[in-house]
């Protein structure tokens, strides 16, 4: 193996996903992932703390996108509309990532430990959004409720999108989920 090759993280992510799908999460080791990627186990641990994190390595990037987009929304925009605008921007992040997201979600769904990690990620994201809304001057409990609602819309829309054949974009599913939430909240 060479000392350095480009895109080590991407290669590790793809190798892990392939192995998790072939063998299962529990039966796959970090060494096997590194070998499949053409890298050393040491390189694996330079990039990821453990084999779970290969699937969640983009969490901080996604959280930053959510928070930065929400923070950049004008303060005059109603909190739920600021979340809606944020969801639209986040959907753009997933363009061209449908198949990867679909495969990743299947691996997560098949493993209780990974489902738990996904829920922790979503809870962290909700807390970050609530903090951002409070900094925008939104009081409690409105900030927490809006953040939780936004994450619920994201989760439901995302799950529907990965279950779809890829013919429609994530943004459409997020809009539909938000419209459903508004209908339910209006009592219709």
N, C-alpha and C. Protein backbone atom coordinates (compact mmCIF):
# COMPACT_ATOMS: atom_id res chain seq x y z
N UNK A 1 0.83 -1.19 0.00
CA UNK A 1 0.00 0.00 0.00
C UNK A 1 0.87 1.24 0.00
N UNK A 2 0.46 2.23 -0.72
CA UNK A 2 1.24 3.46 -0.77
C UNK A 2 1.02 4.26 0.51
N UNK A 3 1.92 5.20 0.75
CA UNK A 3 1.83 6.00 1.98
C UNK A 3 0.65 6.95 1.94
N UNK A 4 0.33 7.48 0.78
CA UNK A 4 -0.77 8.44 0.69
C UNK A 4 -1.49 8.26 -0.63
N UNK A 5 -2.78 8.22 -0.55
CA UNK A 5 -3.60 8.21 -1.74
C UNK A 5 -4.75 9.17 -1.50
N UNK A 6 -5.24 9.81 -2.54
CA UNK A 6 -6.30 10.79 -2.37
C UNK A 6 -7.62 10.15 -1.94
N UNK A 7 -8.47 10.98 -1.31
CA UNK A 7 -9.83 10.63 -0.94
C UNK A 7 -9.92 9.42 -0.01
N UNK A 8 -9.05 9.37 0.98
CA UNK A 8 -9.07 8.25 1.92
C UNK A 8 -10.42 8.15 2.63
N UNK A 9 -10.95 9.27 3.08
CA UNK A 9 -12.24 9.24 3.81
C UNK A 9 -13.35 8.69 2.92
N UNK A 10 -13.42 9.17 1.70
CA UNK A 10 -14.47 8.70 0.79
C UNK A 10 -14.33 7.22 0.49
N UNK A 11 -13.10 6.78 0.31
CA UNK A 11 -12.87 5.36 0.04
C UNK A 11 -13.22 4.51 1.25
N UNK A 12 -12.89 4.99 2.45
CA UNK A 12 -13.26 4.26 3.66
C UNK A 12 -14.77 4.19 3.83
N UNK A 13 -15.44 5.30 3.56
CA UNK A 13 -16.91 5.31 3.68
C UNK A 13 -17.54 4.32 2.71
N UNK A 14 -17.08 4.32 1.48
CA UNK A 14 -17.67 3.41 0.49
C UNK A 14 -17.34 1.95 0.82
N UNK A 15 -16.11 1.68 1.24
CA UNK A 15 -15.72 0.32 1.61
C UNK A 15 -16.55 -0.17 2.79
N UNK A 16 -16.73 0.69 3.79
CA UNK A 16 -17.53 0.31 4.96
C UNK A 16 -18.97 0.02 4.56
N UNK A 17 -19.54 0.88 3.76
CA UNK A 17 -20.92 0.68 3.34
C UNK A 17 -21.06 -0.63 2.57
N UNK A 18 -20.14 -0.89 1.67
CA UNK A 18 -20.19 -2.14 0.90
C UNK A 18 -20.09 -3.35 1.82
N UNK A 19 -19.15 -3.32 2.75
CA UNK A 19 -18.96 -4.45 3.66
C UNK A 19 -20.14 -4.62 4.61
N UNK A 20 -20.68 -3.52 5.11
CA UNK A 20 -21.84 -3.61 6.00
C UNK A 20 -23.02 -4.25 5.27
N UNK A 21 -23.18 -3.91 4.01
CA UNK A 21 -24.27 -4.48 3.22
C UNK A 21 -24.02 -5.96 2.91
N UNK A 22 -22.77 -6.31 2.65
CA UNK A 22 -22.42 -7.69 2.31
C UNK A 22 -22.43 -8.61 3.52
N UNK A 23 -21.79 -8.16 4.60
CA UNK A 23 -21.54 -9.02 5.76
C UNK A 23 -22.37 -8.66 6.99
N UNK A 24 -22.86 -7.45 7.02
CA UNK A 24 -23.53 -6.95 8.22
C UNK A 24 -22.57 -6.09 9.03
N UNK A 25 -23.12 -5.17 9.77
CA UNK A 25 -22.31 -4.24 10.58
C UNK A 25 -21.50 -4.99 11.63
N UNK A 26 -22.14 -5.89 12.37
CA UNK A 26 -21.47 -6.58 13.46
C UNK A 26 -20.30 -7.44 12.99
N UNK A 27 -20.41 -8.01 11.81
CA UNK A 27 -19.39 -8.93 11.31
C UNK A 27 -18.24 -8.23 10.59
N UNK A 28 -18.29 -6.94 10.48
CA UNK A 28 -17.26 -6.18 9.76
C UNK A 28 -16.33 -5.50 10.75
N UNK A 29 -15.03 -5.57 10.48
CA UNK A 29 -14.04 -4.92 11.34
C UNK A 29 -13.44 -3.70 10.64
N UNK A 30 -12.82 -2.86 11.46
CA UNK A 30 -12.13 -1.69 10.91
C UNK A 30 -11.00 -2.13 9.98
N UNK A 31 -10.32 -3.21 10.34
CA UNK A 31 -9.22 -3.71 9.49
C UNK A 31 -9.74 -4.14 8.12
N UNK A 32 -10.89 -4.78 8.09
CA UNK A 32 -11.47 -5.20 6.81
C UNK A 32 -11.88 -4.00 5.96
N UNK A 33 -12.40 -2.98 6.62
CA UNK A 33 -12.79 -1.76 5.89
C UNK A 33 -11.55 -1.12 5.27
N UNK A 34 -10.50 -0.99 6.07
CA UNK A 34 -9.26 -0.39 5.57
C UNK A 34 -8.68 -1.20 4.41
N UNK A 35 -8.68 -2.52 4.56
CA UNK A 35 -8.15 -3.37 3.50
C UNK A 35 -8.95 -3.19 2.21
N UNK A 36 -10.28 -3.18 2.33
CA UNK A 36 -11.13 -3.01 1.14
C UNK A 36 -10.86 -1.68 0.48
N UNK A 37 -10.57 -0.66 1.26
CA UNK A 37 -10.30 0.68 0.73
C UNK A 37 -8.87 0.82 0.21
N UNK A 38 -8.04 -0.20 0.43
CA UNK A 38 -6.65 -0.13 -0.01
C UNK A 38 -5.80 0.72 0.91
N UNK A 39 -6.19 0.77 2.19
CA UNK A 39 -5.49 1.59 3.17
C UNK A 39 -5.11 0.74 4.37
N UNK A 40 -4.38 1.32 5.29
CA UNK A 40 -4.01 0.59 6.50
C UNK A 40 -5.06 0.84 7.59
N UNK A 41 -5.07 -0.06 8.57
CA UNK A 41 -5.97 0.11 9.71
C UNK A 41 -5.62 1.40 10.47
N UNK A 42 -4.36 1.72 10.52
CA UNK A 42 -3.91 2.96 11.17
C UNK A 42 -4.53 4.18 10.48
N UNK A 43 -4.57 4.14 9.16
CA UNK A 43 -5.20 5.24 8.41
C UNK A 43 -6.68 5.32 8.75
N UNK A 44 -7.32 4.16 8.86
CA UNK A 44 -8.74 4.16 9.25
C UNK A 44 -8.92 4.94 10.55
N UNK A 45 -8.12 4.62 11.56
CA UNK A 45 -8.29 5.25 12.87
C UNK A 45 -7.79 6.69 12.91
N UNK A 46 -7.05 7.11 11.91
CA UNK A 46 -6.71 8.54 11.78
C UNK A 46 -7.96 9.34 11.40
N UNK A 47 -8.85 8.69 10.67
CA UNK A 47 -10.05 9.37 10.18
C UNK A 47 -11.29 9.14 11.03
N UNK A 48 -11.39 7.98 11.67
CA UNK A 48 -12.61 7.61 12.40
C UNK A 48 -12.26 6.97 13.73
N UNK A 49 -13.03 7.30 14.75
CA UNK A 49 -12.80 6.74 16.09
C UNK A 49 -13.18 5.26 16.14
N UNK A 50 -14.20 4.88 15.40
CA UNK A 50 -14.63 3.48 15.38
C UNK A 50 -15.43 3.22 14.11
N UNK A 51 -15.84 1.99 13.94
CA UNK A 51 -16.50 1.62 12.68
C UNK A 51 -17.89 2.22 12.53
N UNK A 52 -18.53 2.65 13.62
CA UNK A 52 -19.82 3.34 13.51
C UNK A 52 -19.66 4.70 12.85
N UNK A 53 -18.60 5.37 13.23
CA UNK A 53 -18.42 6.75 12.80
C UNK A 53 -18.22 6.91 11.30
N UNK A 54 -17.88 5.82 10.62
CA UNK A 54 -17.76 5.89 9.16
C UNK A 54 -19.09 6.30 8.55
N UNK A 55 -20.18 5.85 9.15
CA UNK A 55 -21.52 6.20 8.65
C UNK A 55 -21.98 7.57 9.11
N UNK A 56 -21.34 8.11 10.14
CA UNK A 56 -21.79 9.37 10.72
C UNK A 56 -20.75 10.48 10.63
N UNK A 57 -19.74 10.27 9.82
CA UNK A 57 -18.66 11.25 9.68
C UNK A 57 -19.10 12.60 9.16
N UNK A 58 -20.19 12.64 8.42
CA UNK A 58 -20.69 13.90 7.88
C UNK A 58 -21.64 14.64 8.79
N UNK A 59 -21.86 14.12 10.00
CA UNK A 59 -22.83 14.73 10.92
C UNK A 59 -22.51 16.17 11.26
N UNK A 60 -21.23 16.45 11.53
CA UNK A 60 -20.85 17.82 11.89
C UNK A 60 -21.02 18.76 10.71
N UNK A 61 -20.70 18.28 9.52
CA UNK A 61 -20.89 19.08 8.32
C UNK A 61 -22.38 19.41 8.12
N UNK A 62 -23.22 18.40 8.30
CA UNK A 62 -24.66 18.60 8.15
C UNK A 62 -25.19 19.55 9.22
N UNK A 63 -24.75 19.37 10.45
CA UNK A 63 -25.18 20.26 11.52
C UNK A 63 -24.74 21.69 11.24
N UNK A 64 -23.51 21.85 10.78
CA UNK A 64 -23.03 23.19 10.44
C UNK A 64 -23.86 23.83 9.34
N UNK A 65 -24.24 23.05 8.34
CA UNK A 65 -25.09 23.56 7.27
C UNK A 65 -26.44 24.00 7.80
N UNK A 66 -27.05 23.18 8.63
CA UNK A 66 -28.34 23.54 9.24
C UNK A 66 -28.21 24.84 10.04
N UNK A 67 -27.24 24.88 10.94
CA UNK A 67 -27.09 26.02 11.85
C UNK A 67 -26.72 27.29 11.09
N UNK A 68 -25.76 27.21 10.18
CA UNK A 68 -25.33 28.39 9.44
C UNK A 68 -26.46 28.94 8.56
N UNK A 69 -27.21 28.05 7.94
CA UNK A 69 -28.32 28.50 7.09
C UNK A 69 -29.40 29.16 7.93
N UNK A 70 -29.76 28.52 9.04
CA UNK A 70 -30.78 29.10 9.92
C UNK A 70 -30.32 30.44 10.49
N UNK A 71 -29.07 30.51 10.90
CA UNK A 71 -28.53 31.77 11.45
C UNK A 71 -28.54 32.88 10.42
N UNK A 72 -28.39 32.53 9.15
CA UNK A 72 -28.37 33.53 8.08
C UNK A 72 -29.73 33.97 7.60
N UNK A 73 -30.78 33.36 8.12
CA UNK A 73 -32.14 33.75 7.74
C UNK A 73 -32.49 35.06 8.45
N UNK A 74 -33.10 36.00 7.75
CA UNK A 74 -33.45 37.28 8.40
C UNK A 74 -34.28 37.08 9.66
N UNK A 75 -33.99 37.88 10.68
CA UNK A 75 -34.69 37.77 11.96
C UNK A 75 -36.19 38.06 11.84
N UNK A 76 -36.58 38.73 10.77
CA UNK A 76 -37.99 39.07 10.59
C UNK A 76 -38.83 37.88 10.11
N UNK A 77 -38.17 36.81 9.68
CA UNK A 77 -38.87 35.62 9.20
C UNK A 77 -39.36 34.82 10.40
N UNK A 78 -40.61 34.37 10.35
CA UNK A 78 -41.19 33.56 11.42
C UNK A 78 -40.34 32.31 11.62
N UNK A 79 -40.21 31.82 12.86
CA UNK A 79 -39.36 30.67 13.14
C UNK A 79 -39.64 29.44 12.25
N UNK A 80 -40.88 29.07 12.06
CA UNK A 80 -41.17 27.89 11.25
C UNK A 80 -40.82 28.13 9.78
N UNK A 81 -40.97 29.36 9.32
CA UNK A 81 -40.59 29.68 7.95
C UNK A 81 -39.07 29.70 7.79
N UNK A 82 -38.37 30.09 8.86
CA UNK A 82 -36.89 30.04 8.83
C UNK A 82 -36.43 28.58 8.76
N UNK A 83 -37.11 27.72 9.49
CA UNK A 83 -36.79 26.28 9.42
C UNK A 83 -37.10 25.75 8.03
N UNK A 84 -38.23 26.16 7.45
CA UNK A 84 -38.58 25.71 6.10
C UNK A 84 -37.52 26.12 5.09
N UNK A 85 -37.05 27.33 5.19
CA UNK A 85 -36.00 27.82 4.30
C UNK A 85 -34.70 27.04 4.51
N UNK A 86 -34.41 26.73 5.75
CA UNK A 86 -33.22 25.94 6.08
C UNK A 86 -33.32 24.54 5.48
N UNK A 87 -34.48 23.93 5.58
CA UNK A 87 -34.68 22.59 5.02
C UNK A 87 -34.47 22.59 3.50
N UNK A 88 -34.92 23.63 2.84
CA UNK A 88 -34.70 23.74 1.39
C UNK A 88 -33.21 23.76 1.07
N UNK A 89 -32.45 24.53 1.83
CA UNK A 89 -31.01 24.62 1.59
C UNK A 89 -30.32 23.30 1.89
N UNK A 90 -30.74 22.64 2.95
CA UNK A 90 -30.14 21.36 3.32
C UNK A 90 -30.44 20.31 2.25
N UNK A 91 -31.62 20.35 1.66
CA UNK A 91 -31.97 19.39 0.61
C UNK A 91 -30.98 19.45 -0.55
N UNK A 92 -30.48 20.64 -0.83
CA UNK A 92 -29.51 20.80 -1.93
C UNK A 92 -28.22 20.02 -1.64
N UNK A 93 -27.89 19.86 -0.37
CA UNK A 93 -26.71 19.10 0.03
C UNK A 93 -26.81 17.63 -0.42
N UNK A 94 -28.04 17.12 -0.52
CA UNK A 94 -28.26 15.71 -0.84
C UNK A 94 -28.49 15.43 -2.32
N UNK A 95 -28.44 16.46 -3.14
CA UNK A 95 -28.58 16.23 -4.57
C UNK A 95 -27.43 15.32 -5.01
N UNK A 96 -27.73 14.36 -5.83
CA UNK A 96 -26.75 13.38 -6.32
C UNK A 96 -26.30 12.39 -5.24
N UNK A 97 -26.97 12.33 -4.10
CA UNK A 97 -26.57 11.42 -3.03
C UNK A 97 -27.67 10.41 -2.68
N UNK A 98 -28.67 10.29 -3.54
CA UNK A 98 -29.81 9.43 -3.22
C UNK A 98 -29.39 7.98 -3.00
N UNK A 99 -28.62 7.40 -3.90
CA UNK A 99 -28.28 5.98 -3.77
C UNK A 99 -27.42 5.73 -2.54
N UNK A 100 -26.45 6.60 -2.29
CA UNK A 100 -25.63 6.45 -1.09
C UNK A 100 -26.50 6.56 0.16
N UNK A 101 -27.37 7.57 0.20
CA UNK A 101 -28.24 7.76 1.36
C UNK A 101 -29.16 6.55 1.56
N UNK A 102 -29.64 6.03 0.48
CA UNK A 102 -30.52 4.85 0.53
C UNK A 102 -29.78 3.64 1.12
N UNK A 103 -28.57 3.40 0.65
CA UNK A 103 -27.79 2.27 1.15
C UNK A 103 -27.40 2.47 2.62
N UNK A 104 -26.99 3.68 2.95
CA UNK A 104 -26.61 4.00 4.32
C UNK A 104 -27.79 3.80 5.26
N UNK A 105 -28.97 4.27 4.85
CA UNK A 105 -30.15 4.14 5.70
C UNK A 105 -30.53 2.68 5.91
N UNK A 106 -30.35 1.85 4.90
CA UNK A 106 -30.66 0.43 5.03
C UNK A 106 -29.74 -0.23 6.07
N UNK A 107 -28.47 0.15 6.07
CA UNK A 107 -27.53 -0.39 7.06
C UNK A 107 -27.93 0.06 8.46
N UNK A 108 -28.27 1.33 8.61
CA UNK A 108 -28.66 1.87 9.91
C UNK A 108 -29.93 1.20 10.40
N UNK A 109 -30.91 1.07 9.56
CA UNK A 109 -32.19 0.48 9.93
C UNK A 109 -32.03 -0.97 10.41
N UNK A 110 -31.05 -1.67 9.87
CA UNK A 110 -30.85 -3.08 10.20
C UNK A 110 -30.11 -3.30 11.52
N UNK A 111 -29.66 -2.24 12.19
CA UNK A 111 -28.84 -2.40 13.38
C UNK A 111 -29.30 -1.46 14.49
N UNK A 112 -29.65 -2.01 15.66
CA UNK A 112 -30.15 -1.22 16.78
C UNK A 112 -29.12 -0.19 17.26
N UNK A 113 -27.86 -0.56 17.31
CA UNK A 113 -26.81 0.36 17.76
C UNK A 113 -26.70 1.57 16.83
N UNK A 114 -26.81 1.31 15.53
CA UNK A 114 -26.75 2.40 14.56
C UNK A 114 -28.01 3.26 14.59
N UNK A 115 -29.16 2.66 14.82
CA UNK A 115 -30.41 3.44 14.94
C UNK A 115 -30.31 4.37 16.14
N UNK A 116 -29.74 3.86 17.22
CA UNK A 116 -29.55 4.69 18.41
C UNK A 116 -28.61 5.86 18.10
N UNK A 117 -27.53 5.60 17.40
CA UNK A 117 -26.58 6.65 17.03
C UNK A 117 -27.24 7.70 16.15
N UNK A 118 -28.11 7.25 15.24
CA UNK A 118 -28.84 8.17 14.37
C UNK A 118 -29.76 9.07 15.18
N UNK A 119 -30.44 8.50 16.18
CA UNK A 119 -31.32 9.30 17.04
C UNK A 119 -30.52 10.32 17.85
N UNK A 120 -29.36 9.92 18.32
CA UNK A 120 -28.49 10.86 19.05
C UNK A 120 -28.08 12.01 18.14
N UNK A 121 -27.74 11.67 16.89
CA UNK A 121 -27.36 12.70 15.93
C UNK A 121 -28.51 13.69 15.72
N UNK A 122 -29.72 13.17 15.56
CA UNK A 122 -30.88 14.03 15.33
C UNK A 122 -31.19 14.88 16.57
N UNK A 123 -31.01 14.32 17.77
CA UNK A 123 -31.24 15.08 19.00
C UNK A 123 -30.22 16.22 19.12
N UNK A 124 -28.98 15.93 18.78
CA UNK A 124 -27.93 16.96 18.79
C UNK A 124 -28.25 18.07 17.79
N UNK A 125 -28.71 17.67 16.64
CA UNK A 125 -29.08 18.64 15.61
C UNK A 125 -30.24 19.52 16.07
N UNK A 126 -31.23 18.91 16.71
CA UNK A 126 -32.36 19.67 17.23
C UNK A 126 -31.90 20.68 18.29
N UNK A 127 -31.02 20.25 19.19
CA UNK A 127 -30.51 21.16 20.22
C UNK A 127 -29.75 22.33 19.60
N UNK A 128 -28.98 22.06 18.56
CA UNK A 128 -28.22 23.12 17.89
C UNK A 128 -29.17 24.10 17.21
N UNK A 129 -30.24 23.59 16.60
CA UNK A 129 -31.22 24.48 15.96
C UNK A 129 -31.96 25.31 17.00
N UNK A 130 -32.32 24.70 18.13
CA UNK A 130 -33.00 25.45 19.19
C UNK A 130 -32.10 26.57 19.71
N UNK A 131 -30.82 26.27 19.90
CA UNK A 131 -29.86 27.31 20.34
C UNK A 131 -29.79 28.44 19.32
N UNK A 132 -29.77 28.09 18.06
CA UNK A 132 -29.70 29.10 17.00
C UNK A 132 -30.96 29.96 17.01
N UNK A 133 -32.10 29.34 17.16
CA UNK A 133 -33.37 30.09 17.23
C UNK A 133 -33.38 31.02 18.45
N UNK A 134 -32.89 30.55 19.59
CA UNK A 134 -32.84 31.42 20.78
C UNK A 134 -31.93 32.62 20.53
N UNK A 135 -30.80 32.39 19.86
CA UNK A 135 -29.90 33.51 19.53
C UNK A 135 -30.58 34.50 18.58
N UNK A 136 -31.54 34.01 17.79
CA UNK A 136 -32.30 34.89 16.90
C UNK A 136 -33.42 35.63 17.63
N UNK A 137 -33.56 35.36 18.94
CA UNK A 137 -34.56 36.04 19.74
C UNK A 137 -35.86 35.28 19.94
N UNK A 138 -35.90 34.03 19.52
CA UNK A 138 -37.09 33.22 19.71
C UNK A 138 -37.06 32.68 21.14
N UNK A 139 -38.15 32.91 21.87
CA UNK A 139 -38.22 32.46 23.26
C UNK A 139 -38.56 30.98 23.38
N UNK A 140 -38.55 30.53 24.62
CA UNK A 140 -38.95 29.15 24.91
C UNK A 140 -40.42 29.15 25.33
N UNK A 141 -41.18 28.15 25.02
CA UNK A 141 -40.76 26.90 24.42
C UNK A 141 -40.76 26.92 22.88
N UNK A 142 -41.05 28.08 22.29
CA UNK A 142 -41.16 28.15 20.82
C UNK A 142 -39.88 27.70 20.11
N UNK A 143 -38.72 28.06 20.65
CA UNK A 143 -37.46 27.68 19.99
C UNK A 143 -37.30 26.16 19.96
N UNK A 144 -37.53 25.52 21.10
CA UNK A 144 -37.39 24.06 21.16
C UNK A 144 -38.46 23.35 20.33
N UNK A 145 -39.69 23.83 20.40
CA UNK A 145 -40.76 23.21 19.62
C UNK A 145 -40.50 23.34 18.12
N UNK A 146 -40.06 24.51 17.69
CA UNK A 146 -39.78 24.72 16.27
C UNK A 146 -38.62 23.84 15.80
N UNK A 147 -37.58 23.76 16.61
CA UNK A 147 -36.43 22.92 16.25
C UNK A 147 -36.84 21.46 16.17
N UNK A 148 -37.59 20.97 17.15
CA UNK A 148 -38.04 19.58 17.14
C UNK A 148 -38.95 19.31 15.94
N UNK A 149 -39.83 20.25 15.64
CA UNK A 149 -40.71 20.09 14.48
C UNK A 149 -39.89 20.05 13.19
N UNK A 150 -38.89 20.90 13.10
CA UNK A 150 -38.03 20.90 11.92
C UNK A 150 -37.30 19.58 11.73
N UNK A 151 -36.82 19.03 12.83
CA UNK A 151 -36.12 17.74 12.75
C UNK A 151 -37.11 16.62 12.42
N UNK A 152 -38.32 16.69 12.95
CA UNK A 152 -39.33 15.69 12.62
C UNK A 152 -39.66 15.74 11.13
N UNK A 153 -39.80 16.94 10.59
CA UNK A 153 -40.05 17.11 9.16
C UNK A 153 -38.89 16.54 8.35
N UNK A 154 -37.67 16.85 8.77
CA UNK A 154 -36.49 16.34 8.08
C UNK A 154 -36.46 14.81 8.12
N UNK A 155 -36.67 14.23 9.28
CA UNK A 155 -36.61 12.77 9.45
C UNK A 155 -37.66 12.07 8.59
N UNK A 156 -38.90 12.54 8.66
CA UNK A 156 -39.97 11.90 7.88
C UNK A 156 -39.74 12.10 6.39
N UNK A 157 -39.39 13.31 5.99
CA UNK A 157 -39.14 13.57 4.58
C UNK A 157 -37.95 12.76 4.05
N UNK A 158 -36.90 12.68 4.85
CA UNK A 158 -35.71 11.92 4.45
C UNK A 158 -36.05 10.44 4.30
N UNK A 159 -36.77 9.87 5.25
CA UNK A 159 -37.15 8.46 5.18
C UNK A 159 -38.01 8.17 3.95
N UNK A 160 -38.91 9.07 3.65
CA UNK A 160 -39.75 8.89 2.45
C UNK A 160 -38.90 9.00 1.19
N UNK A 161 -37.94 9.91 1.18
CA UNK A 161 -37.07 10.11 0.02
C UNK A 161 -36.20 8.88 -0.24
N UNK A 162 -35.59 8.31 0.81
CA UNK A 162 -34.73 7.14 0.58
C UNK A 162 -35.55 5.91 0.20
N UNK A 163 -36.82 5.87 0.58
CA UNK A 163 -37.68 4.75 0.19
C UNK A 163 -38.18 4.89 -1.25
N UNK A 164 -38.06 6.09 -1.79
CA UNK A 164 -38.51 6.38 -3.16
C UNK A 164 -37.49 5.88 -4.17
N UNK A 165 -37.89 5.83 -5.42
CA UNK A 165 -37.00 5.34 -6.48
C UNK A 165 -35.98 6.37 -6.96
N UNK A 166 -36.00 7.54 -6.38
CA UNK A 166 -35.04 8.57 -6.76
C UNK A 166 -35.55 9.52 -7.82
N UNK A 167 -36.80 9.36 -8.20
CA UNK A 167 -37.38 10.22 -9.24
C UNK A 167 -37.67 11.64 -8.77
N UNK A 168 -37.82 11.79 -7.46
CA UNK A 168 -38.10 13.12 -6.90
C UNK A 168 -37.01 13.49 -5.91
N UNK A 169 -36.79 14.77 -5.79
CA UNK A 169 -35.74 15.25 -4.90
C UNK A 169 -36.18 15.31 -3.45
N UNK A 170 -35.21 15.35 -2.57
CA UNK A 170 -35.47 15.45 -1.14
C UNK A 170 -36.31 16.68 -0.81
N UNK A 171 -36.05 17.79 -1.48
CA UNK A 171 -36.79 19.03 -1.18
C UNK A 171 -38.29 18.83 -1.31
N UNK A 172 -38.72 18.07 -2.31
CA UNK A 172 -40.16 17.82 -2.48
C UNK A 172 -40.74 17.08 -1.29
N UNK A 173 -40.02 16.07 -0.82
CA UNK A 173 -40.50 15.30 0.32
C UNK A 173 -40.51 16.15 1.60
N UNK A 174 -39.53 17.02 1.74
CA UNK A 174 -39.49 17.90 2.91
C UNK A 174 -40.65 18.89 2.88
N UNK A 175 -40.92 19.45 1.70
CA UNK A 175 -42.07 20.37 1.58
C UNK A 175 -43.38 19.67 1.92
N UNK A 176 -43.55 18.46 1.39
CA UNK A 176 -44.78 17.70 1.67
C UNK A 176 -44.92 17.41 3.16
N UNK A 177 -43.83 17.02 3.80
CA UNK A 177 -43.87 16.73 5.23
C UNK A 177 -44.19 17.98 6.04
N UNK A 178 -43.61 19.11 5.65
CA UNK A 178 -43.90 20.37 6.33
C UNK A 178 -45.36 20.77 6.12
N UNK A 179 -45.86 20.59 4.92
CA UNK A 179 -47.28 20.89 4.67
C UNK A 179 -48.19 20.01 5.53
N UNK A 180 -47.84 18.74 5.67
CA UNK A 180 -48.62 17.83 6.53
C UNK A 180 -48.60 18.30 7.97
N UNK A 181 -47.42 18.71 8.44
CA UNK A 181 -47.30 19.21 9.81
C UNK A 181 -48.18 20.44 10.00
N UNK A 182 -48.14 21.35 9.05
CA UNK A 182 -48.98 22.56 9.15
C UNK A 182 -50.46 22.20 9.15
N UNK A 183 -50.85 21.23 8.35
CA UNK A 183 -52.25 20.78 8.33
C UNK A 183 -52.65 20.20 9.68
N UNK A 184 -51.79 19.35 10.23
CA UNK A 184 -52.09 18.75 11.53
C UNK A 184 -52.17 19.83 12.60
N UNK A 185 -51.23 20.76 12.59
CA UNK A 185 -51.21 21.83 13.60
C UNK A 185 -52.43 22.74 13.49
N UNK A 186 -52.95 22.91 12.28
CA UNK A 186 -54.12 23.75 12.07
C UNK A 186 -55.43 23.03 12.44
N UNK A 187 -55.31 21.72 12.72
CA UNK A 187 -56.49 20.96 13.13
C UNK A 187 -57.39 20.57 11.97
N UNK A 188 -56.84 20.51 10.77
CA UNK A 188 -57.66 20.12 9.60
C UNK A 188 -57.55 18.66 9.32
